[in-house]
């Protein structure tokens, strides 16, 4: 499929890139994403770290994405060990570290942002979905691996994995809608401004 060189197509792809960069550099977006992620620990003992890693990686520059994802993971750990009274054992700490590593890997995968994801909001949405699903496989693969190393088995059944996937997909979808809504607002605002 050949890319269009029509001036309107070029303008639209440049506009998405400009809007994405504006949001990616915005303090509001990184603070909002980190705050929502941190507060998700109040709702869930295990925050949807895959969703937050995937959305951070696809909506922020890599360094900022990793910072936001690590902050969300750290808030989840502090909340868990401080308020939920997770056992303070080597095994619990190992689980927390594996979840942190998984979050970083998901974010790094998402931050790859192939060229098709940088030209249109549709391409961006497709990449978010790919990053979310591949990130889920990596994250849960790490969890399963640690379970086998620590106990020789793991309690993650297909039903549990399905629930975790649904939770991460719903959170990822919600966060992506917020991000794309912000982008559409900026595009509409820019179109309303005179070009001169």
C-alpha atoms as a PDB file:
ATOM      1  CA  UNK A   1       0.000   0.000   0.000  1.00  0.00           C
ATOM      2  CA  UNK A   2       1.493   3.302  -1.098  1.00  0.00           C
ATOM      3  CA  UNK A   3       1.385   6.264   1.261  1.00  0.00           C
ATOM      4  CA  UNK A   4      -0.526   9.261   0.009  1.00  0.00           C
ATOM      5  CA  UNK A   5       1.489  12.336  -0.901  1.00  0.00           C
ATOM      6  CA  UNK A   6      -1.617  14.480  -1.115  1.00  0.00           C
ATOM      7  CA  UNK A   7      -1.052  17.730   0.851  1.00  0.00           C
ATOM      8  CA  UNK A   8      -4.118  17.111   3.053  1.00  0.00           C
ATOM      9  CA  UNK A   9      -2.848  13.616   4.004  1.00  0.00           C
ATOM     10  CA  UNK A  10       0.569  15.019   4.853  1.00  0.00           C
ATOM     11  CA  UNK A  11      -1.024  17.800   6.893  1.00  0.00           C
ATOM     12  CA  UNK A  12      -3.182  15.298   8.810  1.00  0.00           C
ATOM     13  CA  UNK A  13      -0.248  13.001   9.599  1.00  0.00           C
ATOM     14  CA  UNK A  14       1.862  15.970  10.660  1.00  0.00           C
ATOM     15  CA  UNK A  15      -0.998  17.220  12.813  1.00  0.00           C
ATOM     16  CA  UNK A  16      -1.239  13.883  14.688  1.00  0.00           C
ATOM     17  CA  UNK A  17       2.513  13.922  15.240  1.00  0.00           C
ATOM     18  CA  UNK A  18       2.359  17.484  16.576  1.00  0.00           C
ATOM     19  CA  UNK A  19      -0.595  16.676  18.828  1.00  0.00           C
ATOM     20  CA  UNK A  20       1.077  13.485  20.110  1.00  0.00           C
ATOM     21  CA  UNK A  21       4.253  15.418  20.906  1.00  0.00           C
ATOM     22  CA  UNK A  22       2.284  18.146  22.659  1.00  0.00           C
ATOM     23  CA  UNK A  23       0.533  15.609  24.879  1.00  0.00           C
ATOM     24  CA  UNK A  24       3.711  13.554  25.411  1.00  0.00           C
ATOM     25  CA  UNK A  25       5.504  16.638  26.713  1.00  0.00           C
ATOM     26  CA  UNK A  26       2.548  17.876  28.736  1.00  0.00           C
ATOM     27  CA  UNK A  27       2.918  17.876  32.508  1.00  0.00           C
ATOM     28  CA  UNK A  28      -0.824  17.421  32.785  1.00  0.00           C
ATOM     29  CA  UNK A  29      -0.824  14.062  30.970  1.00  0.00           C
ATOM     30  CA  UNK A  30       2.076  12.520  32.905  1.00  0.00           C
ATOM     31  CA  UNK A  31       0.646  13.728  36.227  1.00  0.00           C
ATOM     32  CA  UNK A  32      -2.856  12.509  35.338  1.00  0.00           C
ATOM     33  CA  UNK A  33      -1.611   9.104  34.177  1.00  0.00           C
ATOM     34  CA  UNK A  34       0.611   8.653  37.247  1.00  0.00           C
ATOM     35  CA  UNK A  35      -2.137   9.783  39.623  1.00  0.00           C
ATOM     36  CA  UNK A  36      -4.733   7.460  38.088  1.00  0.00           C
ATOM     37  CA  UNK A  37      -2.211   4.618  38.149  1.00  0.00           C
ATOM     38  CA  UNK A  38      -1.270   5.252  41.747  1.00  0.00           C
ATOM     39  CA  UNK A  39      -4.900   5.480  42.845  1.00  0.00           C
ATOM     40  CA  UNK A  40      -5.721   2.238  41.041  1.00  0.00           C
ATOM     41  CA  UNK A  41      -3.947   0.476  43.922  1.00  0.00           C
ATOM     42  CA  UNK A  42      -6.823   1.555  46.145  1.00  0.00           C
ATOM     43  CA  UNK A  43      -9.244  -0.352  43.892  1.00  0.00           C
ATOM     44  CA  UNK A  44      -7.092  -3.405  43.192  1.00  0.00           C
ATOM     45  CA  UNK A  45      -4.503  -5.182  45.303  1.00  0.00           C
ATOM     46  CA  UNK A  46      -2.711  -5.722  41.998  1.00  0.00           C
ATOM     47  CA  UNK A  47      -2.998  -2.602  39.875  1.00  0.00           C
ATOM     48  CA  UNK A  48      -3.356  -3.092  36.094  1.00  0.00           C
ATOM     49  CA  UNK A  49       0.366  -2.503  35.595  1.00  0.00           C
ATOM     50  CA  UNK A  50       0.315  -3.892  32.051  1.00  0.00           C
ATOM     51  CA  UNK A  51      -2.259  -1.301  30.987  1.00  0.00           C
ATOM     52  CA  UNK A  52      -0.387   1.564  32.611  1.00  0.00           C
ATOM     53  CA  UNK A  53       2.950   0.428  31.157  1.00  0.00           C
ATOM     54  CA  UNK A  54       1.470   0.064  27.670  1.00  0.00           C
ATOM     55  CA  UNK A  55      -0.303   3.423  27.756  1.00  0.00           C
ATOM     56  CA  UNK A  56       2.692   5.216  29.294  1.00  0.00           C
ATOM     57  CA  UNK A  57       4.989   3.754  26.642  1.00  0.00           C
ATOM     58  CA  UNK A  58       2.696   4.695  23.768  1.00  0.00           C
ATOM     59  CA  UNK A  59       1.812   8.201  24.967  1.00  0.00           C
ATOM     60  CA  UNK A  60       5.026   9.528  26.503  1.00  0.00           C
ATOM     61  CA  UNK A  61       8.663   9.808  25.503  1.00  0.00           C
ATOM     62  CA  UNK A  62      10.570   6.703  26.698  1.00  0.00           C
ATOM     63  CA  UNK A  63      12.275   8.290  29.711  1.00  0.00           C
ATOM     64  CA  UNK A  64       9.050   9.902  30.943  1.00  0.00           C
ATOM     65  CA  UNK A  65       7.120   6.696  30.250  1.00  0.00           C
ATOM     66  CA  UNK A  66       9.527   4.623  32.328  1.00  0.00           C
ATOM     67  CA  UNK A  67       9.424   7.215  35.113  1.00  0.00           C
ATOM     68  CA  UNK A  68       5.621   7.194  35.189  1.00  0.00           C
ATOM     69  CA  UNK A  69       5.400   3.389  35.049  1.00  0.00           C
ATOM     70  CA  UNK A  70       7.965   2.954  37.829  1.00  0.00           C
ATOM     71  CA  UNK A  71       6.158   5.554  39.961  1.00  0.00           C
ATOM     72  CA  UNK A  72       2.862   3.667  39.493  1.00  0.00           C
ATOM     73  CA  UNK A  73       4.531   0.343  40.374  1.00  0.00           C
ATOM     74  CA  UNK A  74       6.239   1.900  43.405  1.00  0.00           C
ATOM     75  CA  UNK A  75       2.963   3.429  44.631  1.00  0.00           C
ATOM     76  CA  UNK A  76       1.355  -0.011  44.283  1.00  0.00           C
ATOM     77  CA  UNK A  77       4.151  -1.600  46.322  1.00  0.00           C
ATOM     78  CA  UNK A  78       4.079   1.094  49.014  1.00  0.00           C
ATOM     79  CA  UNK A  79       0.322   0.812  49.275  1.00  0.00           C
ATOM     80  CA  UNK A  80       0.515  -2.993  49.388  1.00  0.00           C
ATOM     81  CA  UNK A  81       3.263  -3.291  51.977  1.00  0.00           C
ATOM     82  CA  UNK A  82       2.128  -0.247  53.979  1.00  0.00           C
ATOM     83  CA  UNK A  83      -1.673  -0.369  54.012  1.00  0.00           C
ATOM     84  CA  UNK A  84      -2.577  -3.838  52.787  1.00  0.00           C
ATOM     85  CA  UNK A  85       0.091  -5.402  55.009  1.00  0.00           C
ATOM     86  CA  UNK A  86       1.695  -7.672  52.421  1.00  0.00           C
ATOM     87  CA  UNK A  87       4.006 -10.105  54.205  1.00  0.00           C
ATOM     88  CA  UNK A  88       7.505  -8.692  54.454  1.00  0.00           C
ATOM     89  CA  UNK A  89       9.304 -11.790  53.261  1.00  0.00           C
ATOM     90  CA  UNK A  90      11.906 -12.468  50.612  1.00  0.00           C
ATOM     91  CA  UNK A  91       9.233 -14.182  48.504  1.00  0.00           C
ATOM     92  CA  UNK A  92       6.899 -11.162  48.652  1.00  0.00           C
ATOM     93  CA  UNK A  93       9.752  -8.840  47.758  1.00  0.00           C
ATOM     94  CA  UNK A  94      10.681 -11.128  44.840  1.00  0.00           C
ATOM     95  CA  UNK A  95       7.087 -10.972  43.564  1.00  0.00           C
ATOM     96  CA  UNK A  96       7.144  -7.190  43.820  1.00  0.00           C
ATOM     97  CA  UNK A  97      10.444  -6.950  41.953  1.00  0.00           C
ATOM     98  CA  UNK A  98       9.199  -9.260  39.187  1.00  0.00           C
ATOM     99  CA  UNK A  99       6.091  -7.091  38.829  1.00  0.00           C
ATOM    100  CA  UNK A 100       8.373  -4.046  38.615  1.00  0.00           C
ATOM    101  CA  UNK A 101      10.539  -5.716  35.975  1.00  0.00           C
ATOM    102  CA  UNK A 102       7.415  -6.735  34.063  1.00  0.00           C
ATOM    103  CA  UNK A 103       6.101  -3.170  34.175  1.00  0.00           C
ATOM    104  CA  UNK A 104       9.410  -1.819  32.862  1.00  0.00           C
ATOM    105  CA  UNK A 105       9.483  -4.399  30.040  1.00  0.00           C
ATOM    106  CA  UNK A 106       5.881  -3.642  29.016  1.00  0.00           C
ATOM    107  CA  UNK A 107       6.685   0.077  28.971  1.00  0.00           C
ATOM    108  CA  UNK A 108       9.855  -0.506  26.934  1.00  0.00           C
ATOM    109  CA  UNK A 109       7.961  -2.627  24.391  1.00  0.00           C
ATOM    110  CA  UNK A 110       5.255   0.030  24.068  1.00  0.00           C
ATOM    111  CA  UNK A 111       7.838   2.816  23.745  1.00  0.00           C
ATOM    112  CA  UNK A 112       9.201   1.235  20.549  1.00  0.00           C
ATOM    113  CA  UNK A 113       6.405   3.084  18.686  1.00  0.00           C
ATOM    114  CA  UNK A 114       6.819   1.855  15.087  1.00  0.00           C
ATOM    115  CA  UNK A 115       6.357   4.422  12.325  1.00  0.00           C
ATOM    116  CA  UNK A 116       2.731   3.437  11.561  1.00  0.00           C
ATOM    117  CA  UNK A 117       1.778   4.406  15.125  1.00  0.00           C
ATOM    118  CA  UNK A 118       3.226   7.878  14.732  1.00  0.00           C
ATOM    119  CA  UNK A 119       1.257   9.091  11.723  1.00  0.00           C
ATOM    120  CA  UNK A 120      -2.440   8.711  12.626  1.00  0.00           C
ATOM    121  CA  UNK A 121      -4.579   8.225  15.689  1.00  0.00           C
ATOM    122  CA  UNK A 122      -5.773   4.928  14.151  1.00  0.00           C
ATOM    123  CA  UNK A 123      -2.190   3.661  13.874  1.00  0.00           C
ATOM    124  CA  UNK A 124      -1.607   4.819  17.430  1.00  0.00           C
ATOM    125  CA  UNK A 125      -4.645   2.861  18.636  1.00  0.00           C
ATOM    126  CA  UNK A 126      -3.489  -0.266  16.812  1.00  0.00           C
ATOM    127  CA  UNK A 127      -0.056   0.018  18.424  1.00  0.00           C
ATOM    128  CA  UNK A 128      -1.614   0.474  21.881  1.00  0.00           C
ATOM    129  CA  UNK A 129      -3.536  -2.789  21.350  1.00  0.00           C
ATOM    130  CA  UNK A 130      -0.416  -4.626  20.142  1.00  0.00           C
ATOM    131  CA  UNK A 131       1.677  -3.256  23.012  1.00  0.00           C
ATOM    132  CA  UNK A 132      -1.014  -4.155  25.536  1.00  0.00           C
ATOM    133  CA  UNK A 133      -1.400  -7.747  24.352  1.00  0.00           C
ATOM    134  CA  UNK A 134       2.309  -8.428  23.877  1.00  0.00           C
ATOM    135  CA  UNK A 135       3.029  -6.710  27.182  1.00  0.00           C
ATOM    136  CA  UNK A 136       0.452  -8.919  28.896  1.00  0.00           C
ATOM    137  CA  UNK A 137       2.191 -12.029  27.554  1.00  0.00           C
ATOM    138  CA  UNK A 138       5.600 -10.813  28.738  1.00  0.00           C
ATOM    139  CA  UNK A 139       4.326  -9.695  32.159  1.00  0.00           C
ATOM    140  CA  UNK A 140       2.372 -12.861  32.905  1.00  0.00           C
ATOM    141  CA  UNK A 141       5.199 -14.971  31.490  1.00  0.00           C
ATOM    142  CA  UNK A 142       7.501 -13.443  34.106  1.00  0.00           C
ATOM    143  CA  UNK A 143       4.939 -14.061  36.851  1.00  0.00           C
ATOM    144  CA  UNK A 144       4.526 -17.693  35.789  1.00  0.00           C
ATOM    145  CA  UNK A 145       8.302 -18.161  35.582  1.00  0.00           C
ATOM    146  CA  UNK A 146       8.840 -16.849  39.104  1.00  0.00           C
ATOM    147  CA  UNK A 147       6.012 -19.028  40.378  1.00  0.00           C
ATOM    148  CA  UNK A 148       7.708 -22.103  38.967  1.00  0.00           C
ATOM    149  CA  UNK A 149      11.085 -21.039  40.362  1.00  0.00           C
ATOM    150  CA  UNK A 150       9.710 -20.434  43.859  1.00  0.00           C
ATOM    151  CA  UNK A 151       7.201 -23.252  44.198  1.00  0.00           C
ATOM    152  CA  UNK A 152       7.524 -25.576  41.224  1.00  0.00           C
ATOM    153  CA  UNK A 153       3.992 -24.630  40.155  1.00  0.00           C
ATOM    154  CA  UNK A 154       1.686 -21.651  39.980  1.00  0.00           C
ATOM    155  CA  UNK A 155      -1.925 -20.929  40.837  1.00  0.00           C
ATOM    156  CA  UNK A 156      -2.650 -18.859  37.722  1.00  0.00           C
ATOM    157  CA  UNK A 157      -5.485 -20.687  36.027  1.00  0.00           C
ATOM    158  CA  UNK A 158      -6.888 -19.824  32.599  1.00  0.00           C
ATOM    159  CA  UNK A 159      -9.864 -18.202  34.347  1.00  0.00           C
ATOM    160  CA  UNK A 160      -7.580 -15.980  36.431  1.00  0.00           C
ATOM    161  CA  UNK A 161      -5.495 -15.054  33.385  1.00  0.00           C
ATOM    162  CA  UNK A 162      -8.675 -14.218  31.460  1.00  0.00           C
ATOM    163  CA  UNK A 163      -9.874 -11.922  34.280  1.00  0.00           C
ATOM    164  CA  UNK A 164      -6.470 -10.221  34.435  1.00  0.00           C
ATOM    165  CA  UNK A 165      -6.473  -9.746  30.663  1.00  0.00           C
ATOM    166  CA  UNK A 166      -9.982  -8.260  30.709  1.00  0.00           C
ATOM    167  CA  UNK A 167      -8.984  -5.900  33.540  1.00  0.00           C
ATOM    168  CA  UNK A 168      -5.860  -4.731  31.689  1.00  0.00           C
ATOM    169  CA  UNK A 169      -7.707  -4.359  28.377  1.00  0.00           C
ATOM    170  CA  UNK A 170     -10.507  -2.315  29.989  1.00  0.00           C
ATOM    171  CA  UNK A 171      -8.038  -0.050  31.769  1.00  0.00           C
ATOM    172  CA  UNK A 172      -5.937   0.264  28.615  1.00  0.00           C
ATOM    173  CA  UNK A 173      -9.019   1.125  26.584  1.00  0.00           C
ATOM    174  CA  UNK A 174     -10.183   3.704  29.111  1.00  0.00           C
ATOM    175  CA  UNK A 175      -6.787   5.371  29.314  1.00  0.00           C
ATOM    176  CA  UNK A 176      -6.467   5.360  25.525  1.00  0.00           C
ATOM    177  CA  UNK A 177      -9.888   6.972  25.162  1.00  0.00           C
ATOM    178  CA  UNK A 178      -8.807   9.711  27.584  1.00  0.00           C
ATOM    179  CA  UNK A 179      -5.581  10.208  25.626  1.00  0.00           C
ATOM    180  CA  UNK A 180      -7.293  10.207  22.205  1.00  0.00           C
ATOM    181  CA  UNK A 181     -10.033  12.488  23.518  1.00  0.00           C
ATOM    182  CA  UNK A 182      -7.388  14.960  24.597  1.00  0.00           C
ATOM    183  CA  UNK A 183      -5.753  14.648  21.176  1.00  0.00           C
ATOM    184  CA  UNK A 184      -9.061  15.214  19.349  1.00  0.00           C
ATOM    185  CA  UNK A 185      -9.704  18.270  21.513  1.00  0.00           C
ATOM    186  CA  UNK A 186      -6.317  19.707  20.563  1.00  0.00           C
ATOM    187  CA  UNK A 187      -6.861  18.945  16.859  1.00  0.00           C
ATOM    188  CA  UNK A 188     -10.304  20.595  16.902  1.00  0.00           C
ATOM    189  CA  UNK A 189      -8.908  23.591  18.757  1.00  0.00           C
ATOM    190  CA  UNK A 190      -6.079  23.974  16.232  1.00  0.00           C
ATOM    191  CA  UNK A 191      -8.490  23.681  13.280  1.00  0.00           C
ATOM    192  CA  UNK A 192     -10.637  26.452  14.740  1.00  0.00           C
ATOM    193  CA  UNK A 193      -7.661  28.814  14.903  1.00  0.00           C
ATOM    194  CA  UNK A 194      -6.970  30.882  11.789  1.00  0.00           C
ATOM    195  CA  UNK A 195      -3.904  29.787   9.808  1.00  0.00           C
ATOM    196  CA  UNK A 196      -2.584  33.361   9.459  1.00  0.00           C
END
